[in-house]
Amino acid sequence: MFTPVDLETMVFRRGVRGYKTKEVQEFMRKLIVDYEKLYKDNIELKEALERQKALLKSYEQMEDTLKNTLYLAQGTADEIKASGEKQAEVVLREAQNRAEQMRLKVREEIQAELQELANLKQHVDLFRIQFTRFLQALIEMAEQQLDIEGIWDKMVSLSHGNLPEQKEPVSIEKDAEELAAAKAKAASLFETIGQ
């Protein structure tokens, strides 16, 4: 397709009797084809413009209808908004009531947990007292210098018939009594620990 610049810059060579006829005819043929095409395009564009105008008019009518509908919808929305605000107040009051109930329930649970902690503290204190008694009993045993191994060695020695050299006469019964007393103290300590 020719542009306006092409038409302005087109130069025909001169022949013997002027411009060459073939070149001018060829140019005119191309020009006619392009012009026809432009003419048809122009007609189609005009028809399309008319269709768009009709469509625009239809849209303008729809716009008027939508405006009227929007006014009605606005009124309905205002009514719904007022109703929604009332419902929101009711829901808010219910939520506040539920929140207060939950707060009370949490307080009760906290009180129960505090009571449980107090009970556990009492158990810990009781254990501490019992353990302290146990330790004190062990200290007392250490202070009394109860030598169970020494008594055991004496018993083994006596069972083999070896008599130790002592200024006092050997008393198996005395050693047996010391061993029994030591066992009783140990049993008493273990019983204290078990509580």
C-alpha atoms as a PDB file:
ATOM      1  CA  MET A   1       0.000   0.000   0.000  1.00  0.00           C
ATOM      2  CA  PHE A   2       1.300   3.451  -0.914  1.00  0.00           C
ATOM      3  CA  THR A   3       1.905   6.074   1.732  1.00  0.00           C
ATOM      4  CA  PRO A   4       1.528   9.834   1.120  1.00  0.00           C
ATOM      5  CA  VAL A   5       5.302  10.095   1.057  1.00  0.00           C
ATOM      6  CA  ASP A   6       5.450   7.458  -1.731  1.00  0.00           C
ATOM      7  CA  LEU A   7       2.972   9.436  -3.818  1.00  0.00           C
ATOM      8  CA  GLU A   8       4.941  12.644  -3.341  1.00  0.00           C
ATOM      9  CA  THR A   9       8.278  11.075  -4.137  1.00  0.00           C
ATOM     10  CA  MET A  10       7.136   9.093  -7.171  1.00  0.00           C
ATOM     11  CA  VAL A  11       9.125  10.180 -10.228  1.00  0.00           C
ATOM     12  CA  PHE A  12       8.326   9.021 -13.742  1.00  0.00           C
ATOM     13  CA  ARG A  13      11.146   8.777 -16.225  1.00  0.00           C
ATOM     14  CA  ARG A  14      10.632  10.556 -19.420  1.00  0.00           C
ATOM     15  CA  GLY A  15      10.520   8.706 -22.637  1.00  0.00           C
ATOM     16  CA  VAL A  16      10.811   9.981 -26.145  1.00  0.00           C
ATOM     17  CA  ARG A  17       7.389  11.440 -26.101  1.00  0.00           C
ATOM     18  CA  GLY A  18       7.052  12.185 -22.387  1.00  0.00           C
ATOM     19  CA  TYR A  19       6.501   9.770 -19.503  1.00  0.00           C
ATOM     20  CA  LYS A  20       6.659   6.110 -20.165  1.00  0.00           C
ATOM     21  CA  THR A  21       3.124   4.913 -20.618  1.00  0.00           C
ATOM     22  CA  LYS A  22       3.679   1.500 -19.062  1.00  0.00           C
ATOM     23  CA  GLU A  23       5.053   2.958 -15.841  1.00  0.00           C
ATOM     24  CA  VAL A  24       2.220   5.458 -15.531  1.00  0.00           C
ATOM     25  CA  GLN A  25      -0.390   2.748 -16.194  1.00  0.00           C
ATOM     26  CA  GLU A  26       1.252   0.427 -13.666  1.00  0.00           C
ATOM     27  CA  PHE A  27       1.282   3.227 -11.109  1.00  0.00           C
ATOM     28  CA  MET A  28      -2.363   4.066 -11.759  1.00  0.00           C
ATOM     29  CA  ARG A  29      -3.369   0.422 -11.478  1.00  0.00           C
ATOM     30  CA  LYS A  30      -1.686   0.135  -8.068  1.00  0.00           C
ATOM     31  CA  LEU A  31      -3.152   3.466  -7.012  1.00  0.00           C
ATOM     32  CA  ILE A  32      -6.658   2.355  -7.984  1.00  0.00           C
ATOM     33  CA  VAL A  33      -6.305  -0.937  -6.113  1.00  0.00           C
ATOM     34  CA  ASP A  34      -5.105   0.871  -2.978  1.00  0.00           C
ATOM     35  CA  TYR A  35      -7.786   3.515  -3.286  1.00  0.00           C
ATOM     36  CA  GLU A  36     -10.520   0.871  -3.629  1.00  0.00           C
ATOM     37  CA  LYS A  37      -9.257  -0.850  -0.557  1.00  0.00           C
ATOM     38  CA  LEU A  38      -9.229   2.450   1.385  1.00  0.00           C
ATOM     39  CA  TYR A  39     -12.716   3.248   0.178  1.00  0.00           C
ATOM     40  CA  LYS A  40     -14.069  -0.120   1.334  1.00  0.00           C
ATOM     41  CA  ASP A  41     -12.254   0.240   4.648  1.00  0.00           C
ATOM     42  CA  ASN A  42     -13.800   3.686   5.085  1.00  0.00           C
ATOM     43  CA  ILE A  43     -17.303   2.311   4.462  1.00  0.00           C
ATOM     44  CA  GLU A  44     -16.704  -0.557   6.906  1.00  0.00           C
ATOM     45  CA  LEU A  45     -15.420   1.873   9.537  1.00  0.00           C
ATOM     46  CA  LYS A  46     -18.478   4.079   9.119  1.00  0.00           C
ATOM     47  CA  GLU A  47     -20.753   1.053   9.562  1.00  0.00           C
ATOM     48  CA  ALA A  48     -18.764  -0.034  12.617  1.00  0.00           C
ATOM     49  CA  LEU A  49     -19.059   3.503  13.999  1.00  0.00           C
ATOM     50  CA  GLU A  50     -22.835   3.385  13.555  1.00  0.00           C
ATOM     51  CA  ARG A  51     -22.968   0.049  15.339  1.00  0.00           C
ATOM     52  CA  GLN A  52     -20.845   1.454  18.177  1.00  0.00           C
ATOM     53  CA  LYS A  53     -23.140   4.477  18.447  1.00  0.00           C
ATOM     54  CA  ALA A  54     -26.177   2.192  18.701  1.00  0.00           C
ATOM     55  CA  LEU A  55     -24.345   0.111  21.306  1.00  0.00           C
ATOM     56  CA  LEU A  56     -23.414   3.269  23.227  1.00  0.00           C
ATOM     57  CA  LYS A  57     -27.054   4.360  23.230  1.00  0.00           C
ATOM     58  CA  SER A  58     -28.018   0.917  24.546  1.00  0.00           C
ATOM     59  CA  TYR A  59     -25.369   1.240  27.276  1.00  0.00           C
ATOM     60  CA  GLU A  60     -26.640   4.682  28.210  1.00  0.00           C
ATOM     61  CA  GLN A  61     -30.138   3.230  28.654  1.00  0.00           C
ATOM     62  CA  MET A  62     -28.662   0.437  30.759  1.00  0.00           C
ATOM     63  CA  GLU A  63     -26.783   3.053  32.792  1.00  0.00           C
ATOM     64  CA  ASP A  64     -30.043   4.866  33.540  1.00  0.00           C
ATOM     65  CA  THR A  65     -31.631   1.575  34.571  1.00  0.00           C
ATOM     66  CA  LEU A  66     -28.618   0.770  36.747  1.00  0.00           C
ATOM     67  CA  LYS A  67     -28.786   4.195  38.395  1.00  0.00           C
ATOM     68  CA  ASN A  68     -32.425   3.606  39.307  1.00  0.00           C
ATOM     69  CA  THR A  69     -31.554   0.147  40.556  1.00  0.00           C
ATOM     70  CA  LEU A  70     -28.662   1.613  42.540  1.00  0.00           C
ATOM     71  CA  TYR A  71     -30.990   4.076  44.261  1.00  0.00           C
ATOM     72  CA  LEU A  72     -33.292   1.228  45.231  1.00  0.00           C
ATOM     73  CA  ALA A  73     -30.330  -0.865  46.349  1.00  0.00           C
ATOM     74  CA  GLN A  74     -29.022   2.035  48.444  1.00  0.00           C
ATOM     75  CA  GLY A  75     -32.345   2.253  50.275  1.00  0.00           C
ATOM     76  CA  THR A  76     -32.348  -1.497  50.834  1.00  0.00           C
ATOM     77  CA  ALA A  77     -28.709  -1.372  51.963  1.00  0.00           C
ATOM     78  CA  ASP A  78     -29.551   1.324  54.509  1.00  0.00           C
ATOM     79  CA  GLU A  79     -32.336  -0.855  55.901  1.00  0.00           C
ATOM     80  CA  ILE A  80     -30.055  -3.891  56.003  1.00  0.00           C
ATOM     81  CA  LYS A  81     -27.325  -1.821  57.651  1.00  0.00           C
ATOM     82  CA  ALA A  82     -29.682  -0.678  60.398  1.00  0.00           C
ATOM     83  CA  SER A  83     -30.866  -4.241  60.917  1.00  0.00           C
ATOM     84  CA  GLY A  84     -27.259  -5.476  60.913  1.00  0.00           C
ATOM     85  CA  GLU A  85     -26.257  -2.926  63.526  1.00  0.00           C
ATOM     86  CA  LYS A  86     -29.061  -4.137  65.795  1.00  0.00           C
ATOM     87  CA  GLN A  87     -27.987  -7.743  65.292  1.00  0.00           C
ATOM     88  CA  ALA A  88     -24.371  -6.771  65.922  1.00  0.00           C
ATOM     89  CA  GLU A  89     -25.359  -5.234  69.253  1.00  0.00           C
ATOM     90  CA  VAL A  90     -27.141  -8.446  70.235  1.00  0.00           C
ATOM     91  CA  VAL A  91     -24.172 -10.573  69.168  1.00  0.00           C
ATOM     92  CA  LEU A  92     -21.786  -8.254  71.037  1.00  0.00           C
ATOM     93  CA  ARG A  93     -23.819  -8.540  74.229  1.00  0.00           C
ATOM     94  CA  GLU A  94     -23.880 -12.340  73.896  1.00  0.00           C
ATOM     95  CA  ALA A  95     -20.128 -12.400  73.283  1.00  0.00           C
ATOM     96  CA  GLN A  96     -19.516 -10.247  76.349  1.00  0.00           C
ATOM     97  CA  ASN A  97     -21.662 -12.604  78.445  1.00  0.00           C
ATOM     98  CA  ARG A  98     -19.756 -15.625  77.135  1.00  0.00           C
ATOM     99  CA  ALA A  99     -16.441 -13.860  77.800  1.00  0.00           C
ATOM    100  CA  GLU A 100     -17.472 -13.149  81.386  1.00  0.00           C
ATOM    101  CA  GLN A 101     -18.474 -16.806  81.845  1.00  0.00           C
ATOM    102  CA  MET A 102     -15.133 -17.890  80.432  1.00  0.00           C
ATOM    103  CA  ARG A 103     -13.315 -15.494  82.805  1.00  0.00           C
ATOM    104  CA  LEU A 104     -15.164 -17.009  85.771  1.00  0.00           C
ATOM    105  CA  LYS A 105     -14.344 -20.521  84.581  1.00  0.00           C
ATOM    106  CA  VAL A 106     -10.667 -19.619  84.173  1.00  0.00           C
ATOM    107  CA  ARG A 107     -10.616 -18.118  87.673  1.00  0.00           C
ATOM    108  CA  GLU A 108     -12.088 -21.339  89.064  1.00  0.00           C
ATOM    109  CA  GLU A 109      -9.507 -23.395  87.192  1.00  0.00           C
ATOM    110  CA  ILE A 110      -6.717 -21.152  88.499  1.00  0.00           C
ATOM    111  CA  GLN A 111      -8.017 -21.583  92.060  1.00  0.00           C
ATOM    112  CA  ALA A 112      -8.063 -25.359  91.579  1.00  0.00           C
ATOM    113  CA  GLU A 113      -4.498 -25.281  90.224  1.00  0.00           C
ATOM    114  CA  LEU A 114      -3.369 -23.107  93.149  1.00  0.00           C
ATOM    115  CA  GLN A 115      -4.932 -25.604  95.560  1.00  0.00           C
ATOM    116  CA  GLU A 116      -3.133 -28.434  93.780  1.00  0.00           C
ATOM    117  CA  LEU A 117       0.125 -26.488  94.043  1.00  0.00           C
ATOM    118  CA  ALA A 118      -0.460 -25.962  97.769  1.00  0.00           C
ATOM    119  CA  ASN A 119      -1.005 -29.706  98.166  1.00  0.00           C
ATOM    120  CA  LEU A 120       2.193 -30.440  96.261  1.00  0.00           C
ATOM    121  CA  LYS A 121       4.065 -27.927  98.431  1.00  0.00           C
ATOM    122  CA  GLN A 122       2.805 -29.737 101.545  1.00  0.00           C
ATOM    123  CA  HIS A 123       4.050 -33.059 100.120  1.00  0.00           C
ATOM    124  CA  VAL A 124       7.432 -31.488  99.363  1.00  0.00           C
ATOM    125  CA  ASP A 125       7.642 -30.028 102.864  1.00  0.00           C
ATOM    126  CA  LEU A 126       6.699 -33.406 104.388  1.00  0.00           C
ATOM    127  CA  PHE A 127       9.326 -35.154 102.263  1.00  0.00           C
ATOM    128  CA  ARG A 128      11.914 -32.549 103.278  1.00  0.00           C
ATOM    129  CA  ILE A 129      11.113 -33.148 106.964  1.00  0.00           C
ATOM    130  CA  GLN A 130      11.300 -36.949 106.573  1.00  0.00           C
ATOM    131  CA  PHE A 131      14.519 -36.717 104.607  1.00  0.00           C
ATOM    132  CA  THR A 132      15.995 -34.379 107.227  1.00  0.00           C
ATOM    133  CA  ARG A 133      15.065 -36.898 109.939  1.00  0.00           C
ATOM    134  CA  PHE A 134      16.681 -39.657 107.932  1.00  0.00           C
ATOM    135  CA  LEU A 135      19.877 -37.644 107.560  1.00  0.00           C
ATOM    136  CA  GLN A 136      19.857 -36.787 111.231  1.00  0.00           C
ATOM    137  CA  ALA A 137      19.493 -40.469 112.091  1.00  0.00           C
ATOM    138  CA  LEU A 138      22.454 -41.246 109.844  1.00  0.00           C
ATOM    139  CA  ILE A 139      24.468 -38.527 111.567  1.00  0.00           C
ATOM    140  CA  GLU A 140      23.525 -39.960 114.958  1.00  0.00           C
ATOM    141  CA  MET A 141      24.646 -43.409 113.837  1.00  0.00           C
ATOM    142  CA  ALA A 142      27.932 -41.974 112.633  1.00  0.00           C
ATOM    143  CA  GLU A 143      28.369 -40.121 115.914  1.00  0.00           C
ATOM    144  CA  GLN A 144      27.777 -43.311 117.882  1.00  0.00           C
ATOM    145  CA  GLN A 145      30.559 -44.802 115.787  1.00  0.00           C
ATOM    146  CA  LEU A 146      28.669 -47.964 115.141  1.00  0.00           C
ATOM    147  CA  ASP A 147      31.178 -50.210 113.486  1.00  0.00           C
ATOM    148  CA  ILE A 148      29.163 -52.964 111.803  1.00  0.00           C
ATOM    149  CA  GLU A 149      32.201 -54.164 109.889  1.00  0.00           C
ATOM    150  CA  GLY A 150      34.139 -54.498 113.116  1.00  0.00           C
ATOM    151  CA  ILE A 151      31.307 -56.532 114.649  1.00  0.00           C
ATOM    152  CA  TRP A 152      31.100 -58.613 111.484  1.00  0.00           C
ATOM    153  CA  ASP A 153      34.849 -59.265 111.565  1.00  0.00           C
ATOM    154  CA  LYS A 154      34.552 -60.335 115.214  1.00  0.00           C
ATOM    155  CA  MET A 155      31.689 -62.707 114.381  1.00  0.00           C
ATOM    156  CA  VAL A 156      33.621 -64.250 111.483  1.00  0.00           C
ATOM    157  CA  SER A 157      36.675 -64.557 113.654  1.00  0.00           C
ATOM    158  CA  LEU A 158      34.695 -66.241 116.410  1.00  0.00           C
ATOM    159  CA  SER A 159      33.027 -68.611 113.969  1.00  0.00           C
ATOM    160  CA  HIS A 160      36.479 -69.782 112.856  1.00  0.00           C
ATOM    161  CA  GLY A 161      37.458 -70.346 116.437  1.00  0.00           C
ATOM    162  CA  ASN A 162      39.924 -67.492 116.623  1.00  0.00           C
ATOM    163  CA  LEU A 163      39.692 -65.709 119.881  1.00  0.00           C
ATOM    164  CA  PRO A 164      40.897 -62.148 119.877  1.00  0.00           C
ATOM    165  CA  GLU A 165      43.214 -60.932 122.497  1.00  0.00           C
ATOM    166  CA  GLN A 166      41.158 -58.921 124.864  1.00  0.00           C
ATOM    167  CA  LYS A 167      41.379 -57.904 128.447  1.00  0.00           C
ATOM    168  CA  GLU A 168      37.660 -58.629 128.805  1.00  0.00           C
ATOM    169  CA  PRO A 169      36.248 -62.046 128.230  1.00  0.00           C
ATOM    170  CA  VAL A 170      34.770 -62.608 124.764  1.00  0.00           C
ATOM    171  CA  SER A 171      31.030 -62.118 124.667  1.00  0.00           C
ATOM    172  CA  ILE A 172      29.369 -63.451 121.548  1.00  0.00           C
ATOM    173  CA  GLU A 173      26.041 -62.465 122.936  1.00  0.00           C
ATOM    174  CA  LYS A 174      27.156 -58.829 123.313  1.00  0.00           C
ATOM    175  CA  ASP A 175      28.355 -58.706 119.667  1.00  0.00           C
ATOM    176  CA  ALA A 176      25.122 -60.337 118.487  1.00  0.00           C
ATOM    177  CA  GLU A 177      23.086 -57.745 120.398  1.00  0.00           C
ATOM    178  CA  GLU A 178      25.091 -54.895 118.795  1.00  0.00           C
ATOM    179  CA  LEU A 179      24.507 -56.444 115.354  1.00  0.00           C
ATOM    180  CA  ALA A 180      20.756 -56.791 116.012  1.00  0.00           C
ATOM    181  CA  ALA A 181      20.574 -53.171 117.237  1.00  0.00           C
ATOM    182  CA  ALA A 182      22.370 -51.976 114.114  1.00  0.00           C
ATOM    183  CA  LYS A 183      19.936 -53.937 111.902  1.00  0.00           C
ATOM    184  CA  ALA A 184      16.983 -52.452 113.775  1.00  0.00           C
ATOM    185  CA  LYS A 185      18.299 -48.882 113.310  1.00  0.00           C
ATOM    186  CA  ALA A 186      18.909 -49.500 109.604  1.00  0.00           C
ATOM    187  CA  ALA A 187      15.394 -50.923 109.198  1.00  0.00           C
ATOM    188  CA  SER A 188      13.961 -47.918 111.060  1.00  0.00           C
ATOM    189  CA  LEU A 189      15.844 -45.541 108.745  1.00  0.00           C
ATOM    190  CA  PHE A 190      14.610 -47.342 105.616  1.00  0.00           C
ATOM    191  CA  GLU A 191      11.065 -47.264 106.959  1.00  0.00           C
ATOM    192  CA  THR A 192      11.371 -43.493 107.522  1.00  0.00           C
ATOM    193  CA  ILE A 193      12.568 -43.058 103.937  1.00  0.00           C
ATOM    194  CA  GLY A 194       9.667 -45.106 102.576  1.00  0.00           C
ATOM    195  CA  GLN A 195       7.123 -42.734 104.092  1.00  0.00           C
END
